[in-house]
Amino acid sequence: MLLLARLGLRASEIVAIELNDLRWRAGEIVVRGKGPRRDHVPFLADVGDALVRYLREDRGPSPSRRVFLRLDRDDLSVGVA
């Protein structure tokens, strides 16, 4: 939500962010626009902190390079005995 609110990114731009788009040393996120367009958006401190926390604590391991992963409905189901 911080990426939407603080950086003004569209949902479609956020879901397209890949791990290599997070340029920590440069302090920026590469955002894919329409077609070949790429924008470089500066990290704000609170956005960077939230991303680090998400990647370390919530994202979990995945072969996908996408930063934000979808949680399948099956992961939420509770077995009935």
N, C-alpha and C. Protein backbone atom coordinates (compact mmCIF):
# COMPACT_ATOMS: atom_id res chain seq x y z
N MET A 1 0.82 -1.19 0.00
CA MET A 1 0.00 0.00 0.00
C MET A 1 0.87 1.26 0.00
N LEU A 2 2.03 1.18 0.65
CA LEU A 2 2.90 2.35 0.65
C LEU A 2 3.36 2.72 -0.77
N LEU A 3 3.59 1.70 -1.59
CA LEU A 3 4.01 1.98 -2.96
C LEU A 3 2.92 2.72 -3.73
N LEU A 4 1.69 2.38 -3.45
CA LEU A 4 0.57 3.09 -4.08
C LEU A 4 0.48 4.51 -3.56
N ALA A 5 0.47 4.64 -2.25
CA ALA A 5 0.22 5.94 -1.62
C ALA A 5 1.41 6.89 -1.68
N ARG A 6 2.58 6.41 -1.32
CA ARG A 6 3.73 7.31 -1.20
C ARG A 6 4.43 7.59 -2.52
N LEU A 7 4.44 6.59 -3.43
CA LEU A 7 5.17 6.77 -4.68
C LEU A 7 4.24 7.01 -5.86
N GLY A 8 2.94 6.88 -5.65
CA GLY A 8 1.99 7.14 -6.72
C GLY A 8 2.02 6.11 -7.84
N LEU A 9 2.43 4.88 -7.51
CA LEU A 9 2.49 3.84 -8.53
C LEU A 9 1.12 3.21 -8.73
N ARG A 10 0.88 2.72 -9.93
CA ARG A 10 -0.35 2.00 -10.24
C ARG A 10 -0.19 0.55 -9.79
N ALA A 11 -1.31 -0.10 -9.52
CA ALA A 11 -1.28 -1.51 -9.11
C ALA A 11 -0.56 -2.37 -10.14
N SER A 12 -0.80 -2.12 -11.42
CA SER A 12 -0.15 -2.91 -12.48
C SER A 12 1.37 -2.71 -12.47
N GLU A 13 1.83 -1.53 -12.11
CA GLU A 13 3.27 -1.27 -12.02
C GLU A 13 3.87 -1.99 -10.81
N ILE A 14 3.12 -2.03 -9.73
CA ILE A 14 3.62 -2.67 -8.51
C ILE A 14 3.76 -4.18 -8.70
N VAL A 15 2.75 -4.82 -9.29
CA VAL A 15 2.83 -6.28 -9.44
C VAL A 15 3.91 -6.70 -10.43
N ALA A 16 4.36 -5.78 -11.28
CA ALA A 16 5.41 -6.10 -12.26
C ALA A 16 6.82 -5.93 -11.70
N ILE A 17 6.96 -5.39 -10.49
CA ILE A 17 8.30 -5.16 -9.92
C ILE A 17 8.97 -6.50 -9.63
N GLU A 18 10.20 -6.63 -10.10
CA GLU A 18 11.00 -7.83 -9.85
C GLU A 18 12.14 -7.48 -8.89
N LEU A 19 12.73 -8.53 -8.32
CA LEU A 19 13.77 -8.31 -7.31
C LEU A 19 14.92 -7.46 -7.83
N ASN A 20 15.31 -7.66 -9.08
CA ASN A 20 16.43 -6.87 -9.61
C ASN A 20 16.03 -5.43 -9.95
N ASP A 21 14.73 -5.10 -9.84
CA ASP A 21 14.27 -3.73 -10.02
C ASP A 21 14.49 -2.89 -8.76
N LEU A 22 14.76 -3.55 -7.66
CA LEU A 22 15.03 -2.84 -6.39
C LEU A 22 16.53 -2.55 -6.35
N ARG A 23 16.90 -1.36 -6.65
CA ARG A 23 18.31 -0.97 -6.70
C ARG A 23 18.67 -0.25 -5.41
N TRP A 24 19.03 -1.07 -4.45
CA TRP A 24 19.26 -0.58 -3.08
C TRP A 24 20.39 0.45 -3.04
N ARG A 25 21.50 0.16 -3.68
CA ARG A 25 22.65 1.08 -3.63
C ARG A 25 22.36 2.41 -4.30
N ALA A 26 21.58 2.37 -5.37
CA ALA A 26 21.22 3.60 -6.08
C ALA A 26 20.05 4.30 -5.41
N GLY A 27 19.38 3.60 -4.50
CA GLY A 27 18.24 4.19 -3.80
C GLY A 27 17.04 4.42 -4.70
N GLU A 28 16.79 3.44 -5.60
CA GLU A 28 15.69 3.62 -6.53
C GLU A 28 15.03 2.29 -6.89
N ILE A 29 13.81 2.41 -7.40
CA ILE A 29 13.06 1.27 -7.93
C ILE A 29 12.87 1.52 -9.42
N VAL A 30 13.15 0.51 -10.23
CA VAL A 30 12.88 0.61 -11.65
C VAL A 30 11.43 0.16 -11.86
N VAL A 31 10.64 1.04 -12.45
CA VAL A 31 9.22 0.77 -12.66
C VAL A 31 8.97 0.64 -14.15
N ARG A 32 8.34 -0.48 -14.52
CA ARG A 32 8.02 -0.73 -15.93
C ARG A 32 6.73 -0.02 -16.29
N GLY A 33 6.80 0.79 -17.33
CA GLY A 33 5.61 1.46 -17.84
C GLY A 33 5.09 0.73 -19.06
N LYS A 34 4.35 1.41 -19.86
CA LYS A 34 3.82 0.81 -21.08
C LYS A 34 4.95 0.61 -22.08
N GLY A 35 4.95 -0.54 -22.72
CA GLY A 35 5.97 -0.85 -23.72
C GLY A 35 7.34 -0.94 -23.08
N PRO A 36 8.36 -0.39 -23.74
CA PRO A 36 9.72 -0.49 -23.22
C PRO A 36 10.05 0.58 -22.17
N ARG A 37 9.10 1.39 -21.81
CA ARG A 37 9.36 2.51 -20.89
C ARG A 37 9.75 2.01 -19.50
N ARG A 38 10.79 2.62 -18.95
CA ARG A 38 11.26 2.33 -17.59
C ARG A 38 11.44 3.66 -16.87
N ASP A 39 10.87 3.76 -15.69
CA ASP A 39 11.07 4.94 -14.85
C ASP A 39 11.88 4.54 -13.64
N HIS A 40 12.68 5.47 -13.15
CA HIS A 40 13.47 5.24 -11.94
C HIS A 40 12.87 6.12 -10.84
N VAL A 41 12.30 5.45 -9.84
CA VAL A 41 11.60 6.14 -8.76
C VAL A 41 12.46 6.04 -7.50
N PRO A 42 12.73 7.15 -6.83
CA PRO A 42 13.57 7.09 -5.63
C PRO A 42 12.87 6.36 -4.48
N PHE A 43 13.68 5.60 -3.74
CA PHE A 43 13.18 4.98 -2.52
C PHE A 43 12.96 6.07 -1.48
N LEU A 44 11.84 6.05 -0.85
CA LEU A 44 11.64 6.85 0.35
C LEU A 44 11.98 5.95 1.52
N ALA A 45 12.46 6.52 2.61
CA ALA A 45 12.92 5.72 3.74
C ALA A 45 11.85 4.75 4.24
N ASP A 46 10.62 5.23 4.40
CA ASP A 46 9.58 4.34 4.93
C ASP A 46 9.21 3.24 3.94
N VAL A 47 9.27 3.52 2.66
CA VAL A 47 8.98 2.51 1.65
C VAL A 47 10.09 1.45 1.65
N GLY A 48 11.34 1.88 1.69
CA GLY A 48 12.45 0.94 1.75
C GLY A 48 12.40 0.06 2.98
N ASP A 49 12.10 0.66 4.13
CA ASP A 49 11.98 -0.12 5.37
C ASP A 49 10.87 -1.16 5.27
N ALA A 50 9.73 -0.77 4.71
CA ALA A 50 8.60 -1.69 4.57
C ALA A 50 8.94 -2.83 3.60
N LEU A 51 9.65 -2.52 2.50
CA LEU A 51 10.05 -3.56 1.55
C LEU A 51 11.03 -4.54 2.18
N VAL A 52 11.99 -4.04 2.92
CA VAL A 52 12.95 -4.92 3.60
C VAL A 52 12.22 -5.85 4.56
N ARG A 53 11.32 -5.30 5.34
CA ARG A 53 10.55 -6.11 6.30
C ARG A 53 9.71 -7.17 5.58
N TYR A 54 9.05 -6.78 4.48
CA TYR A 54 8.25 -7.73 3.71
C TYR A 54 9.12 -8.85 3.14
N LEU A 55 10.25 -8.48 2.53
CA LEU A 55 11.11 -9.49 1.91
C LEU A 55 11.72 -10.44 2.93
N ARG A 56 12.06 -9.94 4.09
CA ARG A 56 12.67 -10.78 5.13
C ARG A 56 11.67 -11.62 5.90
N GLU A 57 10.49 -11.08 6.15
CA GLU A 57 9.55 -11.73 7.07
C GLU A 57 8.31 -12.33 6.42
N ASP A 58 7.85 -11.77 5.32
CA ASP A 58 6.54 -12.16 4.82
C ASP A 58 6.53 -12.84 3.45
N ARG A 59 7.46 -12.52 2.59
CA ARG A 59 7.40 -13.02 1.22
C ARG A 59 7.62 -14.51 1.13
N GLY A 60 8.58 -15.02 1.85
CA GLY A 60 8.89 -16.44 1.79
C GLY A 60 9.70 -16.80 0.55
N PRO A 61 10.26 -18.00 0.53
CA PRO A 61 11.07 -18.43 -0.61
C PRO A 61 10.19 -18.70 -1.83
N SER A 62 10.74 -18.40 -2.99
CA SER A 62 10.00 -18.63 -4.23
C SER A 62 10.98 -18.59 -5.39
N PRO A 63 10.75 -19.41 -6.42
CA PRO A 63 11.58 -19.32 -7.62
C PRO A 63 11.24 -18.08 -8.46
N SER A 64 10.12 -17.44 -8.17
CA SER A 64 9.70 -16.26 -8.92
C SER A 64 10.59 -15.07 -8.58
N ARG A 65 10.88 -14.25 -9.59
CA ARG A 65 11.66 -13.03 -9.39
C ARG A 65 10.77 -11.85 -9.03
N ARG A 66 9.45 -12.03 -9.10
CA ARG A 66 8.52 -10.97 -8.74
C ARG A 66 8.63 -10.68 -7.24
N VAL A 67 8.55 -9.42 -6.88
CA VAL A 67 8.63 -9.04 -5.47
C VAL A 67 7.37 -9.48 -4.75
N PHE A 68 6.23 -9.17 -5.33
CA PHE A 68 4.96 -9.47 -4.67
C PHE A 68 4.34 -10.71 -5.28
N LEU A 69 4.06 -11.67 -4.40
CA LEU A 69 3.54 -12.96 -4.84
C LEU A 69 2.07 -13.08 -4.44
N ARG A 70 1.35 -13.87 -5.22
CA ARG A 70 -0.06 -14.13 -4.93
C ARG A 70 -0.16 -15.30 -3.96
N LEU A 71 -1.05 -15.18 -3.02
CA LEU A 71 -1.31 -16.25 -2.08
C LEU A 71 -2.48 -17.05 -2.62
N ASP A 72 -2.26 -18.34 -2.89
CA ASP A 72 -3.33 -19.18 -3.42
C ASP A 72 -4.37 -19.45 -2.35
N ARG A 73 -5.60 -19.61 -2.80
CA ARG A 73 -6.71 -19.90 -1.90
C ARG A 73 -6.43 -21.16 -1.10
N ASP A 74 -5.78 -22.16 -1.73
CA ASP A 74 -5.49 -23.42 -1.04
C ASP A 74 -4.60 -23.19 0.18
N ASP A 75 -3.79 -22.16 0.14
CA ASP A 75 -2.93 -21.87 1.28
C ASP A 75 -3.73 -21.38 2.48
N LEU A 76 -4.95 -20.91 2.24
CA LEU A 76 -5.78 -20.39 3.30
C LEU A 76 -6.78 -21.40 3.85
N SER A 77 -6.90 -22.55 3.16
CA SER A 77 -7.92 -23.50 3.57
C SER A 77 -7.49 -24.23 4.83
N VAL A 78 -8.49 -24.65 5.58
CA VAL A 78 -8.26 -25.40 6.81
C VAL A 78 -8.84 -26.78 6.61
N GLY A 79 -8.03 -27.79 6.87
CA GLY A 79 -8.49 -29.16 6.70
C GLY A 79 -9.58 -29.51 7.70
N VAL A 80 -10.53 -30.30 7.25
CA VAL A 80 -11.61 -30.75 8.12
C VAL A 80 -11.42 -32.22 8.37
N ALA A 81 -11.40 -32.62 9.63
CA ALA A 81 -11.17 -34.04 9.99
C ALA A 81 -12.47 -34.82 9.98
